[in-house]
Amino acid sequence: MESNAIQTDNVISETATVSDKTNGKSIEEIYQKKTQLEHILLRPDTYIGSVEVCSSPMWVFENEKMVYRSINYVPGLYKIFDEILVNGNEYYIYIFVFIL
């Protein structure tokens, strides 16, 4: 397929046709219906963040003192743990401050 070239102020921008973007695939090949569980398992970064191990310098508790060193961690797992703690704290406040 041919693409359209538009020249504006000595800048050329290419605009591809729809068939160029899809590489000749049918709509069924491009979009697939997935259950919620399948979507979560295929694309966890959409819900929890990155699932790749990253290295970052942080303060950590080591041998009964705080040490600033580089650690490896998975941001998605950190987010899950953080969410559990935050929800537990909010539930505690809701029960013991607003209910009782």
N, C-alpha and C. Protein backbone atom coordinates (compact mmCIF):
# COMPACT_ATOMS: atom_id res chain seq x y z
N MET A 1 0.83 -1.18 0.00
CA MET A 1 0.00 0.00 0.00
C MET A 1 0.88 1.24 0.00
N GLU A 2 0.35 2.32 -0.51
CA GLU A 2 1.13 3.53 -0.54
C GLU A 2 0.73 4.43 0.61
N SER A 3 1.69 5.23 1.10
CA SER A 3 1.41 6.16 2.19
C SER A 3 1.38 7.57 1.64
N ASN A 4 0.73 8.44 2.36
CA ASN A 4 0.58 9.83 1.95
C ASN A 4 1.64 10.67 2.64
N ALA A 5 2.34 11.54 1.90
CA ALA A 5 3.34 12.43 2.48
C ALA A 5 2.78 13.84 2.48
N ILE A 6 2.90 14.51 3.60
CA ILE A 6 2.40 15.88 3.74
C ILE A 6 3.60 16.76 4.06
N GLN A 7 3.81 17.84 3.28
CA GLN A 7 4.93 18.74 3.53
C GLN A 7 4.39 20.03 4.10
N THR A 8 4.90 20.39 5.30
CA THR A 8 4.50 21.62 5.96
C THR A 8 5.74 22.27 6.53
N ASP A 9 6.05 23.50 6.11
CA ASP A 9 7.21 24.25 6.60
C ASP A 9 8.50 23.43 6.54
N ASN A 10 8.77 22.84 5.40
CA ASN A 10 9.96 22.03 5.16
C ASN A 10 10.06 20.79 6.05
N VAL A 11 8.97 20.37 6.68
CA VAL A 11 8.95 19.15 7.49
C VAL A 11 8.04 18.16 6.80
N ILE A 12 8.53 16.99 6.55
CA ILE A 12 7.73 15.96 5.89
C ILE A 12 7.29 14.96 6.94
N SER A 13 5.99 14.72 7.04
CA SER A 13 5.49 13.71 7.95
C SER A 13 4.75 12.66 7.15
N GLU A 14 5.03 11.41 7.45
CA GLU A 14 4.41 10.30 6.75
C GLU A 14 3.16 9.87 7.49
N THR A 15 2.07 9.71 6.78
CA THR A 15 0.84 9.19 7.36
C THR A 15 0.54 7.88 6.65
N ALA A 16 0.55 6.80 7.40
CA ALA A 16 0.33 5.48 6.83
C ALA A 16 -1.16 5.22 6.68
N THR A 17 -1.49 4.43 5.70
CA THR A 17 -2.89 4.05 5.53
C THR A 17 -3.25 3.00 6.57
N VAL A 18 -4.54 2.76 6.76
CA VAL A 18 -5.01 1.81 7.76
C VAL A 18 -4.45 0.42 7.50
N SER A 19 -4.41 -0.01 6.25
CA SER A 19 -3.91 -1.34 5.95
C SER A 19 -2.41 -1.46 6.21
N ASP A 20 -1.65 -0.35 6.15
CA ASP A 20 -0.23 -0.40 6.48
C ASP A 20 -0.03 -0.65 7.99
N LYS A 21 -0.87 -0.05 8.80
CA LYS A 21 -0.74 -0.19 10.25
C LYS A 21 -1.09 -1.59 10.72
N THR A 22 -1.99 -2.27 10.04
CA THR A 22 -2.44 -3.59 10.48
C THR A 22 -1.69 -4.71 9.81
N ASN A 23 -0.79 -4.39 8.88
CA ASN A 23 -0.01 -5.39 8.16
C ASN A 23 -0.88 -6.44 7.48
N GLY A 24 -2.05 -6.05 7.04
CA GLY A 24 -2.93 -6.97 6.33
C GLY A 24 -3.66 -7.96 7.22
N LYS A 25 -3.62 -7.78 8.55
CA LYS A 25 -4.30 -8.71 9.46
C LYS A 25 -5.77 -8.38 9.54
N SER A 26 -6.57 -9.39 9.82
CA SER A 26 -8.00 -9.15 9.99
C SER A 26 -8.25 -8.58 11.39
N ILE A 27 -9.43 -8.06 11.62
CA ILE A 27 -9.79 -7.46 12.91
C ILE A 27 -9.73 -8.50 14.03
N GLU A 28 -10.06 -9.76 13.70
CA GLU A 28 -10.01 -10.83 14.69
C GLU A 28 -8.58 -11.16 15.11
N GLU A 29 -7.62 -10.97 14.19
CA GLU A 29 -6.23 -11.23 14.52
C GLU A 29 -5.62 -10.11 15.35
N ILE A 30 -6.13 -8.89 15.19
CA ILE A 30 -5.60 -7.74 15.93
C ILE A 30 -6.17 -7.69 17.35
N TYR A 31 -7.48 -7.83 17.48
CA TYR A 31 -8.15 -7.73 18.77
C TYR A 31 -8.64 -9.11 19.18
N GLN A 32 -8.39 -9.48 20.43
CA GLN A 32 -8.83 -10.76 20.94
C GLN A 32 -9.62 -10.54 22.21
N LYS A 33 -10.73 -11.21 22.33
CA LYS A 33 -11.54 -11.12 23.54
C LYS A 33 -10.91 -12.01 24.60
N LYS A 34 -10.68 -11.44 25.77
CA LYS A 34 -10.07 -12.18 26.87
C LYS A 34 -10.93 -12.02 28.11
N THR A 35 -10.88 -13.04 28.96
CA THR A 35 -11.56 -12.93 30.25
C THR A 35 -10.73 -11.99 31.13
N GLN A 36 -11.30 -11.57 32.23
CA GLN A 36 -10.58 -10.67 33.13
C GLN A 36 -9.32 -11.34 33.66
N LEU A 37 -9.41 -12.61 34.02
CA LEU A 37 -8.26 -13.34 34.53
C LEU A 37 -7.16 -13.46 33.47
N GLU A 38 -7.54 -13.78 32.24
CA GLU A 38 -6.56 -13.89 31.16
C GLU A 38 -5.85 -12.55 30.93
N HIS A 39 -6.62 -11.47 30.97
CA HIS A 39 -6.04 -10.14 30.77
C HIS A 39 -5.06 -9.79 31.88
N ILE A 40 -5.40 -10.10 33.11
CA ILE A 40 -4.51 -9.82 34.25
C ILE A 40 -3.22 -10.63 34.13
N LEU A 41 -3.35 -11.92 33.76
CA LEU A 41 -2.17 -12.76 33.66
C LEU A 41 -1.28 -12.38 32.48
N LEU A 42 -1.88 -11.92 31.37
CA LEU A 42 -1.10 -11.53 30.20
C LEU A 42 -0.46 -10.16 30.35
N ARG A 43 -1.13 -9.25 31.04
CA ARG A 43 -0.63 -7.87 31.16
C ARG A 43 -0.69 -7.38 32.60
N PRO A 44 0.11 -7.97 33.50
CA PRO A 44 0.06 -7.57 34.90
C PRO A 44 0.53 -6.14 35.14
N ASP A 45 1.39 -5.62 34.26
CA ASP A 45 1.90 -4.26 34.45
C ASP A 45 0.79 -3.22 34.33
N THR A 46 -0.33 -3.57 33.70
CA THR A 46 -1.47 -2.67 33.62
C THR A 46 -2.09 -2.44 35.00
N TYR A 47 -2.02 -3.46 35.85
CA TYR A 47 -2.70 -3.40 37.14
C TYR A 47 -1.76 -3.08 38.31
N ILE A 48 -0.55 -3.63 38.30
CA ILE A 48 0.33 -3.48 39.47
C ILE A 48 1.62 -2.76 39.17
N GLY A 49 1.94 -2.53 37.93
CA GLY A 49 3.21 -1.91 37.58
C GLY A 49 4.17 -2.93 37.02
N SER A 50 5.41 -2.56 36.91
CA SER A 50 6.41 -3.40 36.28
C SER A 50 6.62 -4.71 37.04
N VAL A 51 6.82 -5.78 36.28
CA VAL A 51 7.10 -7.09 36.87
C VAL A 51 8.55 -7.49 36.62
N GLU A 52 9.35 -6.55 36.14
CA GLU A 52 10.77 -6.79 35.90
C GLU A 52 11.57 -6.39 37.14
N VAL A 53 12.61 -7.14 37.43
CA VAL A 53 13.48 -6.82 38.57
C VAL A 53 14.26 -5.54 38.27
N CYS A 54 14.27 -4.63 39.23
CA CYS A 54 15.05 -3.40 39.07
C CYS A 54 15.95 -3.22 40.28
N SER A 55 17.00 -2.45 40.10
CA SER A 55 17.96 -2.18 41.16
C SER A 55 17.89 -0.70 41.50
N SER A 56 17.87 -0.40 42.80
CA SER A 56 17.76 0.98 43.23
C SER A 56 18.38 1.14 44.61
N PRO A 57 19.12 2.24 44.86
CA PRO A 57 19.65 2.46 46.21
C PRO A 57 18.53 2.92 47.15
N MET A 58 18.46 2.27 48.31
CA MET A 58 17.42 2.57 49.30
C MET A 58 17.96 2.35 50.70
N TRP A 59 17.25 2.92 51.66
CA TRP A 59 17.54 2.65 53.06
C TRP A 59 16.88 1.33 53.43
N VAL A 60 17.67 0.42 53.99
CA VAL A 60 17.15 -0.89 54.43
C VAL A 60 17.59 -1.14 55.87
N PHE A 61 16.80 -1.93 56.57
CA PHE A 61 17.11 -2.31 57.95
C PHE A 61 17.94 -3.58 57.91
N GLU A 62 19.18 -3.50 58.39
CA GLU A 62 20.11 -4.63 58.31
C GLU A 62 20.93 -4.69 59.59
N ASN A 63 20.95 -5.84 60.25
CA ASN A 63 21.71 -6.03 61.50
C ASN A 63 21.38 -4.97 62.54
N GLU A 64 20.10 -4.72 62.71
CA GLU A 64 19.55 -3.80 63.70
C GLU A 64 20.00 -2.35 63.50
N LYS A 65 20.29 -1.97 62.26
CA LYS A 65 20.58 -0.56 61.95
C LYS A 65 20.16 -0.29 60.50
N MET A 66 19.98 0.98 60.18
CA MET A 66 19.61 1.39 58.84
C MET A 66 20.85 1.57 57.99
N VAL A 67 20.82 0.98 56.78
CA VAL A 67 21.96 1.04 55.87
C VAL A 67 21.45 1.48 54.50
N TYR A 68 22.18 2.39 53.86
CA TYR A 68 21.83 2.86 52.51
C TYR A 68 22.64 2.04 51.51
N ARG A 69 21.94 1.17 50.75
CA ARG A 69 22.62 0.33 49.78
C ARG A 69 21.70 0.02 48.62
N SER A 70 22.25 -0.52 47.58
CA SER A 70 21.48 -0.88 46.39
C SER A 70 20.79 -2.22 46.62
N ILE A 71 19.51 -2.28 46.29
CA ILE A 71 18.77 -3.53 46.42
C ILE A 71 18.07 -3.85 45.10
N ASN A 72 17.80 -5.12 44.89
CA ASN A 72 17.02 -5.57 43.74
C ASN A 72 15.62 -5.91 44.23
N TYR A 73 14.60 -5.44 43.52
CA TYR A 73 13.22 -5.73 43.89
C TYR A 73 12.33 -5.64 42.66
N VAL A 74 11.13 -6.19 42.80
CA VAL A 74 10.13 -6.15 41.73
C VAL A 74 9.08 -5.10 42.12
N PRO A 75 8.97 -3.99 41.38
CA PRO A 75 8.02 -2.93 41.74
C PRO A 75 6.57 -3.42 41.85
N GLY A 76 6.17 -4.36 41.02
CA GLY A 76 4.80 -4.88 41.08
C GLY A 76 4.51 -5.59 42.39
N LEU A 77 5.47 -6.39 42.86
CA LEU A 77 5.31 -7.09 44.14
C LEU A 77 5.31 -6.10 45.29
N TYR A 78 6.15 -5.07 45.21
CA TYR A 78 6.17 -4.00 46.21
C TYR A 78 4.80 -3.31 46.28
N LYS A 79 4.21 -3.06 45.11
CA LYS A 79 2.90 -2.38 45.05
C LYS A 79 1.81 -3.24 45.68
N ILE A 80 1.84 -4.56 45.45
CA ILE A 80 0.85 -5.45 46.06
C ILE A 80 0.97 -5.40 47.58
N PHE A 81 2.20 -5.52 48.10
CA PHE A 81 2.44 -5.48 49.53
C PHE A 81 1.99 -4.14 50.12
N ASP A 82 2.34 -3.05 49.46
CA ASP A 82 1.95 -1.71 49.90
C ASP A 82 0.42 -1.57 49.94
N GLU A 83 -0.25 -2.09 48.93
CA GLU A 83 -1.71 -1.99 48.86
C GLU A 83 -2.37 -2.73 50.02
N ILE A 84 -1.82 -3.90 50.39
CA ILE A 84 -2.36 -4.66 51.53
C ILE A 84 -2.22 -3.85 52.81
N LEU A 85 -1.06 -3.23 53.03
CA LEU A 85 -0.86 -2.44 54.24
C LEU A 85 -1.76 -1.21 54.27
N VAL A 86 -1.88 -0.52 53.17
CA VAL A 86 -2.72 0.69 53.11
C VAL A 86 -4.18 0.34 53.35
N ASN A 87 -4.67 -0.74 52.70
CA ASN A 87 -6.07 -1.14 52.90
C ASN A 87 -6.33 -1.59 54.33
N GLY A 88 -5.37 -2.29 54.94
CA GLY A 88 -5.52 -2.70 56.34
C GLY A 88 -5.59 -1.51 57.27
N ASN A 89 -4.77 -0.51 57.02
CA ASN A 89 -4.79 0.71 57.83
C ASN A 89 -6.11 1.47 57.67
N GLU A 90 -6.58 1.58 56.44
CA GLU A 90 -7.86 2.26 56.21
C GLU A 90 -9.01 1.52 56.87
N TYR A 91 -8.99 0.20 56.83
CA TYR A 91 -10.04 -0.59 57.46
C TYR A 91 -10.01 -0.38 58.97
N TYR A 92 -8.80 -0.37 59.56
CA TYR A 92 -8.66 -0.14 61.00
C TYR A 92 -9.24 1.22 61.38
N ILE A 93 -8.90 2.25 60.61
CA ILE A 93 -9.43 3.59 60.89
C ILE A 93 -10.94 3.60 60.75
N TYR A 94 -11.47 2.96 59.73
CA TYR A 94 -12.92 2.92 59.50
C TYR A 94 -13.63 2.24 60.67
N ILE A 95 -13.12 1.10 61.13
CA ILE A 95 -13.77 0.35 62.21
C ILE A 95 -13.65 1.07 63.55
N PHE A 96 -12.44 1.45 63.93
CA PHE A 96 -12.23 1.95 65.27
C PHE A 96 -12.44 3.45 65.43
N VAL A 97 -12.51 4.21 64.37
CA VAL A 97 -12.72 5.65 64.49
C VAL A 97 -14.16 6.00 64.13
N PHE A 98 -14.68 5.47 63.04
CA PHE A 98 -16.01 5.86 62.59
C PHE A 98 -17.11 4.98 63.14
N ILE A 99 -16.87 3.70 63.36
CA ILE A 99 -17.91 2.78 63.80
C ILE A 99 -18.02 2.80 65.32
N LEU A 100 -16.91 2.68 66.03
CA LEU A 100 -16.95 2.58 67.50
C LEU A 100 -16.95 3.90 68.16
